[in-house]
Structure formats: C-alpha cells, structure tokens
C-alpha cells in the first residue's frame, strides 16, 4: 500500500502562475535549478521539505492551501 501523500501538481502550477511567477523565477526564488523544479512538477522527482517550504512562503499560502496542495490524499 502506498502511504505517500500526493501533491496536487495542477493546483501548484496554477498558484505559481496566478502569483505571476514563471517556473524559472520560482526555481530561483526557492534555491533550486529550473530543470529540477520542472521535473518535480512533471512528477519525475519528489519534492523535498525545503521545496515545499520555499514554495509555500513564495506563494504566501495559507495553512489550508498548503494542506490542499501538498498533503492531498
């Protein structure tokens, strides 16, 4: 049984765009390479805790938004 939480990639991408960031800008702001963030958004790599924290801060997500995006069942 897979116990990992699923990240709502679609909602995360929408949040990035709605805040006016490109993937390149978002990657730079959270301290990662653009390709790495792109691969994470494609589901090819897992998000690290530092990625989740950085994106949450950058996007100014509420606690409910964080739960919905990053800890979606």
Protein backbone atom coordinates (compact mmCIF):
# COMPACT_ATOMS: atom_id res chain seq x y z
CA UNK A 1 0.00 0.00 0.00
CA UNK A 2 1.35 3.45 -0.97
CA UNK A 3 1.22 5.72 2.06
CA UNK A 4 2.84 8.74 0.39
CA UNK A 5 0.75 11.88 0.14
CA UNK A 6 0.08 13.17 -3.34
CA UNK A 7 0.91 16.73 -4.29
CA UNK A 8 -1.75 18.47 -6.35
CA UNK A 9 0.61 19.46 -9.18
CA UNK A 10 -2.12 21.15 -11.21
CA UNK A 11 -3.12 23.38 -8.31
CA UNK A 12 0.52 24.13 -7.51
CA UNK A 13 1.23 25.18 -11.12
CA UNK A 14 -1.94 27.31 -11.11
CA UNK A 15 -0.81 29.01 -7.89
CA UNK A 16 2.62 29.76 -9.35
CA UNK A 17 1.08 31.32 -12.47
CA UNK A 18 -1.59 33.21 -10.52
CA UNK A 19 1.12 34.87 -8.43
CA UNK A 20 2.87 35.94 -11.65
CA UNK A 21 5.90 33.65 -11.47
CA UNK A 22 7.47 31.62 -14.24
CA UNK A 23 8.95 28.21 -13.44
CA UNK A 24 12.43 29.72 -13.82
CA UNK A 25 11.61 32.55 -11.39
CA UNK A 26 10.02 30.17 -8.90
CA UNK A 27 13.03 27.84 -9.03
CA UNK A 28 15.45 30.69 -8.46
CA UNK A 29 13.43 32.03 -5.52
CA UNK A 30 13.37 28.65 -3.76
CA UNK A 31 17.04 27.98 -4.46
CA UNK A 32 16.87 25.16 -6.99
CA UNK A 33 17.57 24.71 -10.68
CA UNK A 34 14.77 25.31 -13.18
CA UNK A 35 15.16 21.79 -14.58
CA UNK A 36 14.85 20.28 -11.12
CA UNK A 37 11.62 22.16 -10.37
CA UNK A 38 10.27 21.27 -13.81
CA UNK A 39 10.98 17.58 -13.20
CA UNK A 40 9.22 17.78 -9.85
CA UNK A 41 6.22 19.42 -11.49
CA UNK A 42 6.23 16.62 -14.09
CA UNK A 43 6.23 14.01 -11.32
CA UNK A 44 9.69 12.71 -12.28
CA UNK A 45 11.27 13.79 -8.97
CA UNK A 46 9.93 14.12 -5.46
CA UNK A 47 9.59 17.45 -3.68
CA UNK A 48 11.87 17.95 -0.68
CA UNK A 49 10.65 19.59 2.51
CA UNK A 50 12.74 22.65 1.63
CA UNK A 51 10.96 22.90 -1.75
CA UNK A 52 7.56 22.77 -0.07
CA UNK A 53 8.58 25.36 2.49
CA UNK A 54 10.07 27.68 -0.13
CA UNK A 55 7.08 27.44 -2.44
CA UNK A 56 4.65 27.94 0.44
CA UNK A 57 6.48 31.10 1.52
CA UNK A 58 6.92 32.43 -2.02
CA UNK A 59 3.25 31.88 -2.87
CA UNK A 60 2.08 33.15 0.55
CA UNK A 61 -0.11 30.07 1.02
CA UNK A 62 -2.50 29.81 3.94
CA UNK A 63 -2.37 26.68 6.09
CA UNK A 64 -5.46 25.35 4.30
CA UNK A 65 -3.89 25.99 0.89
CA UNK A 66 -0.71 24.19 1.98
CA UNK A 67 -2.74 21.16 3.08
CA UNK A 68 -4.76 21.13 -0.14
CA UNK A 69 -1.74 21.41 -2.43
CA UNK A 70 1.00 19.49 -0.62
CA UNK A 71 -0.78 16.99 1.60
CA UNK A 72 -3.61 15.92 -0.66
CA UNK A 73 -4.83 12.35 -0.22
